[in-house]
């Protein structure tokens, strides 16, 4: 590969990481917005029902939060491949592979294909 190809490949790898990180940030923010009222309601239910410990609603909300944290894997700190988990990274990879395959096989509509090519040409400049 030439230096120009190497630098273009490096750019696309970095740009992809940025986009995936942004998607993860939005998912994480949405999760936080949902978890805030859910945790308050869970706590209040525990007070009303007299629940505490591992079987409490609040602890269940925390367990859910930990699972979603691993699924989002915002900073790549979890190795979900070993656990057989389906995470955001796997979903993005699957989406990329599907779009790439459809693009190669001509499965995308001409309008979609032109839009992708136009977008890619902007970044190549």
Protein backbone atom coordinates (compact mmCIF):
# COMPACT_ATOMS: atom_id res chain seq x y z
CA UNK A 1 0.00 0.00 0.00
CA UNK A 2 1.10 3.52 -0.63
CA UNK A 3 1.41 6.12 2.08
CA UNK A 4 -1.72 7.81 0.78
CA UNK A 5 -3.68 4.53 1.02
CA UNK A 6 -2.26 3.89 4.48
CA UNK A 7 -3.25 7.33 5.70
CA UNK A 8 -6.70 7.01 4.10
CA UNK A 9 -7.18 3.62 5.77
CA UNK A 10 -6.02 5.12 9.08
CA UNK A 11 -8.46 7.97 8.67
CA UNK A 12 -11.37 5.62 8.01
CA UNK A 13 -10.49 3.46 11.01
CA UNK A 14 -10.35 6.53 13.25
CA UNK A 15 -13.52 7.98 11.76
CA UNK A 16 -15.35 4.66 12.28
CA UNK A 17 -14.23 4.58 15.91
CA UNK A 18 -15.51 8.13 16.37
CA UNK A 19 -18.90 7.27 14.86
CA UNK A 20 -19.27 4.11 16.94
CA UNK A 21 -18.30 6.04 20.06
CA UNK A 22 -20.93 8.68 19.29
CA UNK A 23 -23.60 6.01 18.83
CA UNK A 24 -22.58 4.46 22.14
CA UNK A 25 -22.74 7.85 23.85
CA UNK A 26 -26.31 8.37 22.63
CA UNK A 27 -27.33 4.89 23.75
CA UNK A 28 -25.66 5.41 27.13
CA UNK A 29 -27.35 8.79 27.58
CA UNK A 30 -30.74 7.30 26.73
CA UNK A 31 -30.11 4.48 29.20
CA UNK A 32 -29.22 7.02 31.89
CA UNK A 33 -32.38 9.01 31.20
CA UNK A 34 -34.46 5.86 31.57
CA UNK A 35 -32.58 4.50 34.58
CA UNK A 36 -32.97 7.65 36.65
CA UNK A 37 -36.77 7.48 37.07
CA UNK A 38 -36.75 3.67 37.05
CA UNK A 39 -34.35 3.59 40.00
CA UNK A 40 -36.46 6.11 41.95
CA UNK A 41 -39.65 4.11 41.29
CA UNK A 42 -37.87 0.87 42.22
CA UNK A 43 -36.69 2.42 45.49
CA UNK A 44 -40.17 3.72 46.31
CA UNK A 45 -41.71 0.31 45.54
CA UNK A 46 -39.16 -1.29 47.86
CA UNK A 47 -40.19 1.12 50.62
CA UNK A 48 -43.88 0.36 50.10
CA UNK A 49 -43.37 -3.39 49.78
CA UNK A 50 -40.76 -3.60 52.52
CA UNK A 51 -38.22 -5.23 50.20
CA UNK A 52 -34.48 -5.10 50.71
CA UNK A 53 -31.37 -6.98 49.72
CA UNK A 54 -30.72 -8.89 46.51
CA UNK A 55 -34.42 -9.44 45.72
CA UNK A 56 -35.32 -5.77 45.94
CA UNK A 57 -36.53 -3.82 42.93
CA UNK A 58 -33.71 -1.33 43.34
CA UNK A 59 -31.05 -4.07 43.23
CA UNK A 60 -32.78 -5.44 40.14
CA UNK A 61 -32.49 -2.02 38.51
CA UNK A 62 -28.79 -1.96 39.39
CA UNK A 63 -28.28 -5.42 37.87
CA UNK A 64 -30.03 -4.25 34.71
CA UNK A 65 -27.75 -1.19 34.64
CA UNK A 66 -24.63 -3.35 34.93
CA UNK A 67 -25.81 -5.61 32.09
CA UNK A 68 -26.57 -2.66 29.82
CA UNK A 69 -23.21 -1.12 30.69
CA UNK A 70 -21.49 -4.24 29.37
CA UNK A 71 -23.74 -4.29 26.32
CA UNK A 72 -22.98 -0.67 25.47
CA UNK A 73 -19.28 -1.12 26.37
CA UNK A 74 -18.76 2.63 25.94
CA UNK A 75 -15.00 2.66 26.44
CA UNK A 76 -14.27 -0.88 25.26
CA UNK A 77 -13.35 -2.05 28.74
CA UNK A 78 -15.34 -5.29 28.56
CA UNK A 79 -14.38 -8.29 26.46
CA UNK A 80 -17.87 -9.46 25.53
CA UNK A 81 -16.60 -11.87 22.90
CA UNK A 82 -15.56 -14.34 25.60
CA UNK A 83 -18.94 -14.16 27.31
CA UNK A 84 -20.94 -14.76 24.14
CA UNK A 85 -22.74 -11.45 24.64
CA UNK A 86 -24.24 -9.45 21.82
CA UNK A 87 -23.12 -5.87 22.25
CA UNK A 88 -23.23 -2.57 20.40
CA UNK A 89 -19.89 -3.31 18.70
CA UNK A 90 -21.24 -6.60 17.32
CA UNK A 91 -24.42 -4.86 16.12
CA UNK A 92 -22.40 -2.15 14.33
CA UNK A 93 -20.14 -4.76 12.76
CA UNK A 94 -23.13 -6.76 11.55
CA UNK A 95 -24.73 -3.61 10.12
CA UNK A 96 -21.49 -2.70 8.32
CA UNK A 97 -21.16 -6.18 6.86
CA UNK A 98 -24.77 -6.18 5.64
CA UNK A 99 -24.48 -2.77 4.00
CA UNK A 100 -21.12 -3.66 2.46
CA UNK A 101 -22.43 -6.97 1.10
CA UNK A 102 -25.54 -5.33 -0.33
CA UNK A 103 -23.42 -2.59 -1.88
CA UNK A 104 -21.10 -5.14 -3.53
CA UNK A 105 -23.98 -7.30 -4.74
CA UNK A 106 -26.01 -4.35 -6.00
CA UNK A 107 -28.76 -4.91 -3.43
CA UNK A 108 -28.96 -1.23 -2.50
CA UNK A 109 -31.30 1.02 -4.41
CA UNK A 110 -29.60 3.28 -6.91
CA UNK A 111 -30.62 6.33 -4.87
CA UNK A 112 -29.08 4.86 -1.68
CA UNK A 113 -25.95 3.85 -3.55
CA UNK A 114 -25.54 7.38 -4.95
CA UNK A 115 -26.04 8.90 -1.51
CA UNK A 116 -23.38 6.61 -0.02
CA UNK A 117 -20.95 7.39 -2.82
CA UNK A 118 -21.59 11.14 -2.45
CA UNK A 119 -21.01 10.96 1.30
CA UNK A 120 -17.84 8.91 0.90
CA UNK A 121 -16.48 11.28 -1.75
CA UNK A 122 -16.82 14.21 0.66
CA UNK A 123 -14.67 12.40 3.22
CA UNK A 124 -12.08 11.36 0.65
CA UNK A 125 -11.26 14.99 -0.15
